[in-house]
Amino acid sequence: MNAVVILLVGILILVIAYVTYGKWLAGQWGVDPSRKTPAHELEDGMDYCPAKAPVLMGHHFSSIAGAGPINGPIQAAVFGWVPVLLWILIGGIFFGAVHDFGALFASIRHKGQSIGEVIADTMGTKSKKIFIIFSYLTLLLVVAAFASIVANTFMATFTETGAVDYAASSANASTAMISILFIVISIVFGFLVYRKNASLGVSTIVGVIAIIACMVIGLNWHPLYLSNKTWMIIVGIYILIASVTPVWILLQPRDYLSSFLLYFMMAVAIVGVIGAGLTGNAGLDIPAFTGFKDTLMPTGTSLGYMFPALFITIACGAISGFHSLVGSGTTAKQLNSEKDARPIAYGGMLIECALAIISLCAVGYVWKNYSAGELVVPTNVFATGISKMTSTIPFLKGAESVIFSMLVLAVSAFCLTSLDTATRLARYMFQEFWLEPGEDVKTATGYKKVLTNPYVATIITVVLGIALGMTGYANVWPLFGAANQLLAALGLLAVATWLGKVGKNNKMFLLPMAFMLIVTLTSLCLTIKTNFAGIMAGADGIVWCYIRLIISVLLIVLAAVLAVDGVKTLTGQNKKAKA
């Protein structure tokens, strides 16, 4: 198959979906540009802070994207390009984008509060608390994993004598230095735009030039060679400060500027794919369909059967529960106008779908190396495939290694972005858990006043997340895929029940919700079976087999309780509507 055909047809379908289906959804739900958003109604200069649409798109897109739309399609490519492309397009248009748009819209109609509060409004406080527990534990796992990934990306390599191996550590030290400089210019950017009212256009041009300068400086001057443990502590301190700092100081400007790295990465990739097509080098070796079970196992471990593996593995490129937490956590508190909801939420998800299609083209281009197990790390697969396609363009032939390094750096930058967004979201969840209907952080008293204090909530979250990252998150990380997709199913359920309550069309949520529940519960049942077998066989790490088994059972129970409550709510709403 030709990469150019896959890419252009895929992008065309996504554009048509945005113009037609996205617009229809906005009309069905009653999106009202004249309505005051929580960012204006509750503006506090810390969490609630109106942001210009391009800035908020940068934050939202940087937070939801990360490495997800790259990792998932590349790993799932073992089933062939047709299943992957179909799930990206169908899942993205009718599942993920609807989920993201609905979560953001429901949140802005609930004072910018999380999906947990939306559930409380329709299904009661018990369901809210169950959902928040589920979401908070998932976010702790994200904090642990991403903190560990960032620390591993920054850490120095040491010799047997304890000395720094400068040659092996140079690339990591460069990444760390660039990331630190990037934070500094983001703060300066935020100060100029939000406190000195500098032109966004001029500031953006200066900011992009500053990003390039950061890269040049970081690649040539990187004096920080620290251990993994030291970086974990530094990252913990950073996310603690970042998640309680007013959004205009760091979160908005940093994510806005970060998005240009992602746009650059996608632009280079598109140029590479089309350029390879123009030079007759865009043919993909990847089969259309390899079978219903992963027998290729390039990583050494089979994904299992296509159902449910395909729909769990490709998350961010199709539908991801984490997106509902971002949309209803940070984005809803910064939305300037309801008219911005469709381009930011529905459009942002479709752009992520485009990145997932690019990832499919990349793995297809280096398919022989990937399927043989010679090149398996998704970031490297992506960077290798795109840089090789780009090098087929005559005037870029000698830039392959430079483009490869830039692509890897761009992907790495988003881990830090997603990390402090996840920390802030976990803080919101922790605070909301203790509040009853009608209460807020300002009116809480007694022990609730202490536990809902943003600093207390953040410290607890960071300590738990960093501790888990230092000890054993990798042992429970295999559960994240199912937990994340289960979160998406529950997010769809929450928005469906709310739309039903306010008398709006919610039918577009019912099939995606049911499908994702079936997919995730099937995956969790298979996990229970695998870990039970490991316990019976006395496998190594038997303690973690017990832990994974217990967590899987708890996730199924929590999901079942919420699903039953949701179905009862929807059934009651239908009866009331008919009456």
Protein backbone atom coordinates (compact mmCIF):
# COMPACT_ATOMS: atom_id res chain seq x y z
CA MET A 1 0.00 0.00 0.00
CA ASN A 2 1.11 3.57 -0.67
CA ALA A 3 1.69 5.80 2.39
CA VAL A 4 0.53 8.95 0.58
CA VAL A 5 -2.86 7.41 -0.22
CA ILE A 6 -3.38 6.29 3.41
CA LEU A 7 -2.38 9.69 4.78
CA LEU A 8 -4.32 11.94 2.38
CA VAL A 9 -7.50 9.84 2.36
CA GLY A 10 -7.37 9.60 6.15
CA ILE A 11 -6.95 13.37 6.61
CA LEU A 12 -9.74 14.08 4.10
CA ILE A 13 -12.15 11.84 6.02
CA LEU A 14 -11.22 13.55 9.30
CA VAL A 15 -11.79 17.03 7.84
CA ILE A 16 -15.21 16.01 6.46
CA ALA A 17 -16.13 14.55 9.86
CA TYR A 18 -15.21 17.78 11.65
CA VAL A 19 -17.21 19.96 9.27
CA THR A 20 -20.30 17.71 9.27
CA TYR A 21 -20.59 15.47 12.32
CA GLY A 22 -18.81 17.84 14.70
CA LYS A 23 -21.10 20.71 13.66
CA TRP A 24 -24.18 18.48 14.01
CA LEU A 25 -23.16 17.49 17.56
CA ALA A 26 -22.78 21.14 18.57
CA GLY A 27 -26.28 21.83 17.31
CA GLN A 28 -27.79 18.80 19.02
CA TRP A 29 -26.32 19.72 22.40
CA GLY A 30 -27.06 23.44 22.23
CA VAL A 31 -23.57 24.94 22.24
CA ASP A 32 -24.17 28.65 22.93
CA PRO A 33 -21.37 31.19 22.19
CA SER A 34 -23.28 33.92 24.07
CA ARG A 35 -23.29 31.93 27.32
CA LYS A 36 -20.74 32.91 29.98
CA THR A 37 -18.14 30.18 30.58
CA PRO A 38 -16.76 29.17 34.00
CA ALA A 39 -13.42 30.73 33.07
CA HIS A 40 -15.13 34.15 33.19
CA GLU A 41 -17.80 33.41 35.79
CA LEU A 42 -15.38 31.94 38.35
CA GLU A 43 -12.12 33.59 37.27
CA ASP A 44 -9.62 33.37 40.13
CA GLY A 45 -6.28 33.87 38.35
CA MET A 46 -5.12 30.40 39.39
CA ASP A 47 -7.20 27.58 37.89
CA TYR A 48 -10.04 29.53 36.28
CA CYS A 49 -8.40 31.79 33.71
CA PRO A 50 -9.77 32.57 30.20
CA ALA A 51 -7.35 31.65 27.44
CA LYS A 52 -7.30 32.61 23.79
CA ALA A 53 -8.37 29.72 21.56
CA PRO A 54 -4.90 29.04 20.02
CA VAL A 55 -3.29 29.03 23.48
CA LEU A 56 -5.90 26.68 24.94
CA MET A 57 -5.67 24.42 21.90
CA GLY A 58 -1.93 24.22 22.55
CA HIS A 59 -2.51 23.22 26.17
CA HIS A 60 -5.26 20.72 25.39
CA PHE A 61 -3.51 19.10 22.44
CA SER A 62 -0.14 18.88 24.21
CA SER A 63 -1.78 17.32 27.26
CA ILE A 64 -3.87 14.68 25.48
CA ALA A 65 -1.33 13.74 22.81
CA GLY A 66 2.02 12.88 24.38
CA ALA A 67 3.41 9.65 22.97
CA GLY A 68 0.04 7.85 22.95
CA PRO A 69 -0.93 8.30 19.27
CA ILE A 70 2.57 7.15 18.32
CA ASN A 71 2.93 4.12 20.60
CA GLY A 72 -0.52 2.60 20.10
CA PRO A 73 -0.72 2.37 16.28
CA ILE A 74 2.88 1.14 16.04
CA GLN A 75 2.31 -1.64 18.59
CA ALA A 76 -1.06 -2.62 17.08
CA ALA A 77 0.40 -2.73 13.56
CA VAL A 78 1.05 -6.45 14.15
CA PHE A 79 -2.58 -6.98 13.06
CA GLY A 80 -2.04 -5.18 9.72
CA TRP A 81 -2.67 -1.67 8.43
CA VAL A 82 -6.38 -2.11 7.63
CA PRO A 83 -7.61 -2.87 11.20
CA VAL A 84 -5.42 -0.09 12.59
CA LEU A 85 -6.61 2.53 10.08
CA LEU A 86 -10.28 1.56 10.46
CA TRP A 87 -10.16 1.82 14.26
CA ILE A 88 -8.33 5.17 14.12
CA LEU A 89 -10.96 6.64 11.78
CA ILE A 90 -14.13 5.04 13.15
CA GLY A 91 -12.96 5.21 16.75
CA GLY A 92 -11.65 8.75 16.44
CA ILE A 93 -14.69 10.25 14.69
CA PHE A 94 -17.55 8.42 16.41
CA PHE A 95 -15.99 7.43 19.75
CA GLY A 96 -13.03 9.55 20.82
CA ALA A 97 -13.97 12.97 19.43
CA VAL A 98 -17.56 12.59 20.69
CA HIS A 99 -16.21 11.54 24.10
CA ASP A 100 -13.80 14.51 24.32
CA PHE A 101 -16.30 17.09 23.04
CA GLY A 102 -19.04 15.77 25.32
CA ALA A 103 -16.82 15.72 28.41
CA LEU A 104 -15.69 19.31 27.86
CA PHE A 105 -19.21 20.54 27.15
CA ALA A 106 -20.71 18.79 30.19
CA SER A 107 -17.96 20.23 32.38
CA ILE A 108 -18.43 23.84 31.29
CA ARG A 109 -22.12 23.44 32.13
CA HIS A 110 -21.05 22.24 35.62
CA LYS A 111 -18.84 25.19 36.61
CA GLY A 112 -15.75 23.64 35.00
CA GLN A 113 -15.77 20.72 37.44
CA SER A 114 -14.74 17.17 36.62
CA ILE A 115 -16.77 14.32 35.17
CA GLY A 116 -17.15 13.16 38.78
CA GLU A 117 -19.39 16.17 39.46
CA VAL A 118 -21.37 15.48 36.29
CA ILE A 119 -21.99 11.95 37.60
CA ALA A 120 -23.03 13.34 40.99
CA ASP A 121 -25.61 15.52 39.24
CA THR A 122 -27.27 12.59 37.47
CA MET A 123 -26.35 9.38 39.33
CA GLY A 124 -25.72 10.54 42.88
CA THR A 125 -22.85 11.07 45.32
CA LYS A 126 -21.99 7.37 45.67
CA SER A 127 -21.36 7.02 41.94
CA LYS A 128 -19.33 10.24 41.98
CA LYS A 129 -17.03 8.97 44.72
CA ILE A 130 -16.53 5.61 42.98
CA PHE A 131 -15.64 7.38 39.74
CA ILE A 132 -13.22 9.75 41.47
CA ILE A 133 -11.46 6.89 43.28
CA PHE A 134 -11.09 5.10 39.96
CA SER A 135 -9.85 8.24 38.18
CA TYR A 136 -7.47 9.25 40.97
CA LEU A 137 -5.79 5.83 41.07
CA THR A 138 -5.43 5.91 37.28
CA LEU A 139 -3.86 9.38 37.45
CA LEU A 140 -1.45 8.25 40.18
CA LEU A 141 -0.28 5.54 37.81
CA VAL A 142 0.18 8.14 35.05
CA VAL A 143 2.18 10.39 37.40
CA ALA A 144 4.36 7.45 38.47
CA ALA A 145 4.98 6.23 34.93
CA PHE A 146 5.61 9.61 33.32
CA ALA A 147 7.84 10.79 36.16
CA SER A 148 9.90 7.63 35.72
CA ILE A 149 10.02 8.10 31.93
CA VAL A 150 11.16 11.72 32.31
CA ALA A 151 13.80 10.79 34.89
CA ASN A 152 15.08 8.00 32.62
CA THR A 153 15.23 10.45 29.72
CA PHE A 154 17.27 12.93 31.78
CA MET A 155 19.49 10.64 33.89
CA ALA A 156 23.22 10.14 33.49
CA THR A 157 24.87 6.77 32.92
CA PHE A 158 27.53 5.72 35.42
CA THR A 159 30.48 3.37 35.07
CA GLU A 160 31.20 0.49 37.46
CA THR A 161 33.45 2.81 39.48
CA GLY A 162 30.64 5.31 39.96
CA ALA A 163 32.02 7.88 37.52
CA VAL A 164 29.78 9.57 34.95
CA ASP A 165 29.98 8.10 31.47
CA TYR A 166 29.81 11.41 29.63
CA ALA A 167 29.71 9.90 26.15
CA ALA A 168 26.71 7.71 26.95
CA SER A 169 24.97 10.45 28.95
CA SER A 170 25.35 13.38 26.56
CA ALA A 171 22.00 12.96 24.77
CA ASN A 172 20.06 12.68 28.04
CA ALA A 173 21.84 15.70 29.51
CA SER A 174 20.96 17.71 26.38
CA THR A 175 17.29 16.76 26.70
CA ALA A 176 17.29 17.78 30.37
CA MET A 177 18.91 21.14 29.63
CA ILE A 178 16.53 21.91 26.76
CA SER A 179 13.54 21.04 28.99
CA ILE A 180 14.75 23.37 31.77
CA LEU A 181 15.38 26.24 29.35
CA PHE A 182 11.97 25.61 27.81
CA ILE A 183 10.29 26.09 31.21
CA VAL A 184 12.12 29.41 31.66
CA ILE A 185 11.05 30.85 28.29
CA SER A 186 7.47 29.66 28.95
CA ILE A 187 7.31 31.68 32.15
CA VAL A 188 8.67 34.74 30.34
CA PHE A 189 6.13 34.21 27.54
CA GLY A 190 3.24 33.98 30.02
CA PHE A 191 4.34 37.13 31.82
CA LEU A 192 4.59 39.14 28.60
CA VAL A 193 1.25 37.97 27.14
CA TYR A 194 -0.90 37.95 30.29
CA ARG A 195 0.62 40.74 32.37
CA LYS A 196 2.17 43.08 29.81
CA ASN A 197 -0.52 42.47 27.13
CA ALA A 198 2.08 41.78 24.48
CA SER A 199 0.77 40.77 21.04
CA LEU A 200 0.16 37.01 20.88
CA GLY A 201 1.37 36.88 17.28
CA VAL A 202 4.63 38.71 17.97
CA SER A 203 5.19 36.78 21.21
CA THR A 204 4.62 33.50 19.36
CA ILE A 205 7.24 34.32 16.74
CA VAL A 206 9.72 35.31 19.46
CA GLY A 207 8.78 32.19 21.46
CA VAL A 208 9.39 29.85 18.52
CA ILE A 209 12.77 31.49 17.90
CA ALA A 210 13.53 31.04 21.61
CA ILE A 211 12.64 27.33 21.36
CA ILE A 212 15.16 26.93 18.55
CA ALA A 213 17.74 28.81 20.64
CA CYS A 214 17.02 26.48 23.59
CA MET A 215 17.73 23.47 21.41
CA VAL A 216 20.98 24.91 20.09
CA ILE A 217 22.13 25.80 23.62
CA GLY A 218 21.04 22.47 25.10
CA LEU A 219 22.76 20.43 22.40
CA ASN A 220 26.05 22.28 22.94
CA TRP A 221 25.94 23.01 26.70
CA HIS A 222 24.51 20.46 29.13
CA PRO A 223 26.32 20.44 32.48
CA LEU A 224 23.71 18.45 34.48
CA TYR A 225 24.65 14.78 34.88
CA LEU A 226 22.45 13.44 37.68
CA SER A 227 21.23 10.02 38.76
CA ASN A 228 17.72 8.66 38.16
CA LYS A 229 16.78 9.02 41.85
CA THR A 230 17.94 12.66 41.91
CA TRP A 231 15.93 13.47 38.81
CA MET A 232 12.85 11.74 40.29
CA ILE A 233 13.07 14.05 43.31
CA ILE A 234 13.62 17.13 41.11
CA VAL A 235 10.68 16.16 38.88
CA GLY A 236 8.54 15.65 41.99
CA ILE A 237 9.40 19.16 43.25
CA TYR A 238 8.71 20.61 39.80
CA ILE A 239 5.25 19.04 39.40
CA LEU A 240 4.37 20.01 42.97
CA ILE A 241 5.08 23.66 42.17
CA ALA A 242 3.63 23.53 38.65
CA SER A 243 0.27 22.09 39.72
CA VAL A 244 -0.43 24.86 42.27
CA THR A 245 0.99 27.71 40.18
CA PRO A 246 -1.59 29.92 38.41
CA VAL A 247 -2.20 28.50 34.94
CA TRP A 248 -1.19 31.72 33.15
CA ILE A 249 2.34 31.56 34.59
CA LEU A 250 3.40 28.13 33.33
CA LEU A 251 0.69 25.71 32.15
CA GLN A 252 -0.90 27.86 29.43
CA PRO A 253 2.29 29.33 27.91
CA ARG A 254 4.37 26.15 28.19
CA ASP A 255 1.74 23.93 26.59
CA TYR A 256 1.06 26.52 23.90
CA LEU A 257 4.74 26.70 22.96
CA SER A 258 5.07 22.90 23.31
CA SER A 259 2.34 22.46 20.73
CA PHE A 260 4.59 24.05 18.11
CA LEU A 261 7.02 21.18 18.60
CA LEU A 262 4.18 18.78 17.90
CA TYR A 263 2.98 20.79 14.90
CA PHE A 264 6.57 20.85 13.64
CA MET A 265 6.84 17.08 14.11
CA MET A 266 3.60 16.50 12.18
CA ALA A 267 4.59 18.94 9.42
CA VAL A 268 7.96 17.20 8.95
CA ALA A 269 6.19 13.84 8.88
CA ILE A 270 3.65 14.98 6.25
CA VAL A 271 6.45 16.46 4.12
CA GLY A 272 8.34 13.19 4.50
CA VAL A 273 5.39 11.00 3.45
CA ILE A 274 4.36 13.17 0.49
CA GLY A 275 7.99 13.72 -0.52
CA ALA A 276 8.59 9.98 -0.49
CA GLY A 277 5.51 9.59 -2.68
CA LEU A 278 6.72 12.17 -5.20
CA THR A 279 10.07 10.39 -5.45
CA GLY A 280 8.41 6.98 -5.79
CA ASN A 281 9.50 5.74 -2.37
CA ALA A 282 6.23 5.69 -0.41
CA GLY A 283 5.46 1.98 -0.72
CA LEU A 284 4.71 0.20 2.57
CA ASP A 285 5.73 -3.41 3.24
CA ILE A 286 3.17 -3.89 6.02
CA PRO A 287 0.42 -6.45 5.22
CA ALA A 288 -3.20 -5.32 5.05
CA PHE A 289 -4.20 -7.97 7.59
CA THR A 290 -2.02 -10.51 9.40
CA GLY A 291 -4.64 -12.48 11.34
CA PHE A 292 -6.86 -12.33 14.38
CA LYS A 293 -4.00 -13.22 16.74
CA ASP A 294 -0.59 -11.56 17.12
CA THR A 295 1.92 -14.23 16.12
CA LEU A 296 4.64 -11.78 15.02
CA MET A 297 5.56 -10.62 18.54
CA PRO A 298 8.30 -8.11 17.57
CA THR A 299 8.70 -7.12 21.25
CA GLY A 300 8.89 -10.75 22.36
CA THR A 301 5.40 -10.72 23.89
CA SER A 302 2.19 -11.35 21.97
CA LEU A 303 -0.64 -8.83 22.20
CA GLY A 304 -3.05 -11.75 21.99
CA TYR A 305 -6.25 -11.67 19.96
CA MET A 306 -7.27 -8.61 17.96
CA PHE A 307 -10.35 -8.37 20.15
CA PRO A 308 -9.83 -6.81 22.64
CA ALA A 309 -6.12 -6.00 22.10
CA LEU A 310 -6.55 -3.63 19.12
CA PHE A 311 -9.03 -1.42 21.00
CA ILE A 312 -6.97 -1.35 24.19
CA THR A 313 -3.60 -0.79 22.51
CA ILE A 314 -4.73 2.10 20.27
CA ALA A 315 -6.11 4.54 22.85
CA CYS A 316 -5.03 8.15 22.28
CA GLY A 317 -5.29 7.72 18.50
CA ALA A 318 -8.95 6.64 18.75
CA ILE A 319 -10.45 7.10 22.24
CA SER A 320 -8.81 7.59 25.64
CA GLY A 321 -10.36 8.08 29.06
CA PHE A 322 -7.51 10.39 30.06
CA HIS A 323 -8.88 12.95 27.58
CA SER A 324 -12.12 13.33 29.54
CA LEU A 325 -10.11 14.19 32.63
CA VAL A 326 -8.10 16.82 30.74
CA GLY A 327 -11.19 18.30 29.07
CA SER A 328 -13.20 18.43 32.29
CA GLY A 329 -10.22 19.27 34.49
CA THR A 330 -7.98 21.98 33.09
CA THR A 331 -9.41 22.86 29.65
CA ALA A 332 -12.95 23.58 30.90
CA LYS A 333 -11.60 26.07 33.43
CA GLN A 334 -9.86 28.06 30.68
CA LEU A 335 -12.41 27.99 27.85
CA ASN A 336 -13.04 31.56 26.72
CA SER A 337 -16.22 30.85 24.74
CA GLU A 338 -18.43 27.84 24.10
CA LYS A 339 -17.76 28.25 20.37
CA ASP A 340 -14.15 27.20 21.08
CA ALA A 341 -15.27 23.82 22.45
CA ARG A 342 -15.71 22.12 19.06
CA PRO A 343 -12.33 23.04 17.53
CA ILE A 344 -10.45 22.37 20.76
CA ALA A 345 -12.11 19.12 21.85
CA TYR A 346 -13.57 17.52 18.71
CA GLY A 347 -10.93 19.05 16.42
CA GLY A 348 -8.07 18.32 18.81
CA MET A 349 -8.99 14.63 18.86
CA LEU A 350 -9.12 14.47 15.06
CA ILE A 351 -5.65 16.06 14.82
CA GLU A 352 -4.47 13.31 17.14
CA CYS A 353 -6.04 10.78 14.79
CA ALA A 354 -3.98 12.31 11.98
CA LEU A 355 -0.84 11.81 14.06
CA ALA A 356 -1.85 8.18 14.63
CA ILE A 357 -2.19 7.69 10.85
CA ILE A 358 1.28 9.20 10.37
CA SER A 359 2.59 6.71 12.95
CA LEU A 360 1.03 3.87 10.95
CA CYS A 361 2.84 5.12 7.83
CA ALA A 362 6.11 5.28 9.77
CA VAL A 363 5.96 1.70 11.05
CA GLY A 364 4.82 0.51 7.62
CA TYR A 365 7.89 2.06 6.03
CA VAL A 366 10.30 0.18 8.33
CA TRP A 367 8.06 -2.89 8.63
CA LYS A 368 10.79 -5.45 7.88
CA ASN A 369 12.96 -4.12 10.73
CA TYR A 370 9.97 -3.88 13.10
CA SER A 371 8.44 -7.28 12.43
CA ALA A 372 11.87 -8.90 12.75
CA GLY A 373 12.31 -7.37 16.20
CA GLU A 374 15.30 -5.29 15.13
CA LEU A 375 13.58 -1.96 15.82
CA VAL A 376 10.80 -2.10 18.42
CA VAL A 377 10.82 1.03 20.66
CA PRO A 378 7.84 3.02 19.28
CA THR A 379 9.55 6.42 19.50
CA ASN A 380 12.54 5.12 17.55
CA VAL A 381 10.30 3.33 15.05
CA PHE A 382 8.41 6.57 14.41
CA ALA A 383 11.54 8.73 14.14
CA THR A 384 13.33 6.17 11.93
CA GLY A 385 10.42 5.71 9.55
CA ILE A 386 9.74 9.43 9.11
CA SER A 387 13.42 10.45 8.87
CA LYS A 388 14.05 7.75 6.23
CA MET A 389 11.06 8.90 4.16
CA THR A 390 12.20 12.51 4.49
CA SER A 391 15.73 11.59 3.35
CA THR A 392 14.31 10.41 -0.01
CA ILE A 393 13.68 14.08 -0.84
CA PRO A 394 16.84 15.25 -2.69
CA PHE A 395 17.45 18.49 -0.74
CA LEU A 396 16.93 16.71 2.62
CA LYS A 397 19.04 13.64 1.88
CA GLY A 398 21.78 14.54 4.35
CA ALA A 399 19.45 15.58 7.17
CA GLU A 400 18.25 12.12 8.24
CA SER A 401 20.15 11.99 11.55
CA VAL A 402 19.20 15.58 12.45
CA ILE A 403 15.51 14.96 11.71
CA PHE A 404 15.63 11.72 13.70
CA SER A 405 17.03 13.53 16.76
CA MET A 406 14.50 16.36 16.47
CA LEU A 407 11.59 13.93 16.29
CA VAL A 408 12.77 11.98 19.35
CA LEU A 409 13.24 15.24 21.26
CA ALA A 410 9.74 16.45 20.29
CA VAL A 411 8.14 13.23 21.55
CA SER A 412 10.14 13.33 24.80
CA ALA A 413 9.05 16.92 25.50
CA PHE A 414 5.41 15.87 25.79
CA CYS A 415 6.03 13.43 28.62
CA LEU A 416 6.79 16.38 30.92
CA THR A 417 3.76 18.28 29.62
CA SER A 418 1.39 15.37 30.31
CA LEU A 419 3.04 14.77 33.68
CA ASP A 420 2.22 18.06 35.37
CA THR A 421 -1.21 18.18 33.71
CA ALA A 422 -1.94 14.75 35.23
CA THR A 423 -0.73 16.00 38.63
CA ARG A 424 -3.03 19.03 38.50
CA LEU A 425 -5.94 16.80 37.45
CA ALA A 426 -5.25 14.39 40.32
CA ARG A 427 -5.26 17.36 42.70
CA TYR A 428 -8.68 18.42 41.41
CA MET A 429 -9.99 14.87 41.85
CA PHE A 430 -8.63 14.59 45.39
CA GLN A 431 -10.27 17.89 46.36
CA GLU A 432 -13.64 17.05 44.80
CA PHE A 433 -13.80 13.65 46.53
CA TRP A 434 -14.35 15.25 49.95
CA LEU A 435 -17.02 17.71 48.87
CA GLU A 436 -20.76 17.10 49.12
CA PRO A 437 -23.26 18.59 46.62
CA GLY A 438 -23.35 22.36 47.02
CA GLU A 439 -19.98 22.52 48.80
CA ASP A 440 -16.82 23.97 47.32
CA VAL A 441 -13.25 24.43 48.46
CA LYS A 442 -13.95 27.92 49.83
CA THR A 443 -16.91 26.83 52.00
CA ALA A 444 -15.43 23.54 53.29
CA THR A 445 -14.89 23.30 57.05
CA GLY A 446 -13.12 20.99 59.52
CA TYR A 447 -11.03 18.13 58.12
CA LYS A 448 -12.49 18.81 54.66
CA LYS A 449 -10.94 22.27 54.69
CA VAL A 450 -7.53 20.69 55.26
CA LEU A 451 -7.89 17.88 52.70
CA THR A 452 -9.30 20.18 50.01
CA ASN A 453 -6.49 22.69 50.45
CA PRO A 454 -4.70 22.72 47.06
CA TYR A 455 -1.26 22.49 48.64
CA VAL A 456 -2.19 19.56 50.87
CA ALA A 457 -3.94 17.74 48.00
CA THR A 458 -0.94 18.29 45.73
CA ILE A 459 1.66 17.15 48.29
CA ILE A 460 -0.27 13.93 48.95
CA THR A 461 -0.59 13.28 45.20
CA VAL A 462 3.06 13.97 44.41
CA VAL A 463 4.40 11.90 47.30
CA LEU A 464 2.22 8.91 46.35
CA GLY A 465 2.99 9.23 42.63
CA ILE A 466 6.76 9.65 42.97
CA ALA A 467 6.95 6.84 45.57
CA LEU A 468 5.10 4.51 43.21
CA GLY A 469 7.38 5.58 40.37
CA MET A 470 10.46 4.70 42.42
CA THR A 471 9.19 1.33 43.60
CA GLY A 472 7.11 -0.67 41.20
CA TYR A 473 4.73 1.10 38.79
CA ALA A 474 6.00 -1.13 35.97
CA ASN A 475 4.45 -4.14 37.67
CA VAL A 476 0.93 -2.69 37.46
CA TRP A 477 1.38 -0.62 34.29
CA PRO A 478 0.02 -3.46 32.09
CA LEU A 479 -3.37 -2.70 33.67
CA PHE A 480 -3.27 0.93 32.56
CA GLY A 481 -4.54 0.29 29.04
CA ALA A 482 -7.72 -1.42 30.23
CA ALA A 483 -8.18 1.08 33.10
CA ASN A 484 -7.82 4.02 30.71
CA GLN A 485 -10.32 2.62 28.21
CA LEU A 486 -12.71 1.73 31.04
CA LEU A 487 -12.45 5.36 32.11
CA ALA A 488 -13.50 6.34 28.58
CA ALA A 489 -16.56 4.08 28.80
CA LEU A 490 -17.53 5.67 32.11
CA GLY A 491 -16.95 9.15 30.69
CA LEU A 492 -19.33 8.34 27.83
CA LEU A 493 -21.85 7.03 30.35
CA ALA A 494 -21.60 10.19 32.47
CA VAL A 495 -22.21 12.56 29.57
CA ALA A 496 -25.03 10.40 28.21
CA THR A 497 -26.89 10.49 31.54
CA TRP A 498 -26.43 14.26 31.85
CA LEU A 499 -27.66 14.96 28.31
CA GLY A 500 -30.65 12.73 29.05
CA LYS A 501 -31.39 14.73 32.19
CA VAL A 502 -31.36 18.08 30.37
CA GLY A 503 -33.43 16.71 27.50
CA LYS A 504 -30.73 16.67 24.81
CA ASN A 505 -29.95 13.95 22.26
CA ASN A 506 -27.60 11.38 23.85
CA LYS A 507 -28.02 8.46 21.44
CA MET A 508 -24.59 9.02 19.87
CA PHE A 509 -23.03 7.94 23.19
CA LEU A 510 -24.87 4.65 23.73
CA LEU A 511 -23.15 2.35 21.22
CA PRO A 512 -19.60 3.63 21.92
CA MET A 513 -20.26 3.30 25.67
CA ALA A 514 -21.53 -0.29 25.40
CA PHE A 515 -18.69 -1.30 23.06
CA MET A 516 -15.96 0.14 25.28
CA LEU A 517 -17.45 -1.53 28.37
CA ILE A 518 -17.40 -4.90 26.61
CA VAL A 519 -13.84 -4.36 25.34
CA THR A 520 -12.39 -3.33 28.70
CA LEU A 521 -14.21 -5.91 30.80
CA THR A 522 -13.06 -8.62 28.38
CA SER A 523 -9.47 -7.40 28.69
CA LEU A 524 -9.65 -7.36 32.48
CA CYS A 525 -11.09 -10.88 32.55
CA LEU A 526 -8.17 -12.08 30.40
CA THR A 527 -5.78 -10.34 32.82
CA ILE A 528 -7.41 -12.16 35.74
CA LYS A 529 -7.04 -15.46 33.89
CA THR A 530 -3.36 -14.82 33.10
CA ASN A 531 -2.42 -13.81 36.64
CA PHE A 532 -4.41 -16.65 38.19
CA ALA A 533 -2.50 -19.05 35.95
CA GLY A 534 0.75 -17.40 37.07
CA ILE A 535 -0.20 -17.90 40.72
CA MET A 536 -1.07 -21.57 40.15
CA ALA A 537 2.25 -22.12 38.33
CA GLY A 538 4.25 -20.37 41.06
CA ALA A 539 5.64 -17.87 38.55
CA ASP A 540 8.34 -15.34 39.41
CA GLY A 541 6.88 -12.18 40.92
CA ILE A 542 3.92 -14.07 42.33
CA VAL A 543 3.18 -11.19 44.75
CA TRP A 544 2.58 -8.86 41.82
CA CYS A 545 0.37 -11.52 40.21
CA TYR A 546 -1.84 -11.33 43.31
CA ILE A 547 -1.80 -7.50 43.23
CA ARG A 548 -2.73 -7.33 39.53
CA LEU A 549 -5.46 -9.92 40.04
CA ILE A 550 -6.97 -8.01 42.97
CA ILE A 551 -6.82 -4.67 41.14
CA SER A 552 -8.45 -6.20 38.05
CA VAL A 553 -11.31 -7.61 40.12
CA LEU A 554 -11.79 -4.24 41.86
CA LEU A 555 -11.88 -2.41 38.52
CA ILE A 556 -14.55 -4.80 37.23
CA VAL A 557 -16.64 -4.36 40.39
CA LEU A 558 -16.36 -0.55 40.29
CA ALA A 559 -17.26 -0.49 36.61
CA ALA A 560 -20.18 -2.85 37.13
CA VAL A 561 -21.63 -0.70 39.92
CA LEU A 562 -21.35 2.48 37.83
CA ALA A 563 -22.71 0.74 34.71
CA VAL A 564 -25.75 -0.57 36.58
CA ASP A 565 -26.43 2.85 38.11
CA GLY A 566 -26.00 4.45 34.69
CA VAL A 567 -28.36 2.05 32.94
CA LYS A 568 -30.97 2.59 35.67
CA THR A 569 -30.60 6.36 35.24
CA LEU A 570 -30.91 6.19 31.44
CA THR A 571 -33.89 3.83 31.66
CA GLY A 572 -35.62 6.13 34.13
CA GLN A 573 -34.99 9.12 31.86
CA ASN A 574 -36.47 7.28 28.87
CA LYS A 575 -39.60 6.33 30.81
CA LYS A 576 -39.99 9.90 32.01
CA ALA A 577 -39.57 11.24 28.48
CA LYS A 578 -42.21 8.85 27.11
CA ALA A 579 -44.59 9.74 29.93
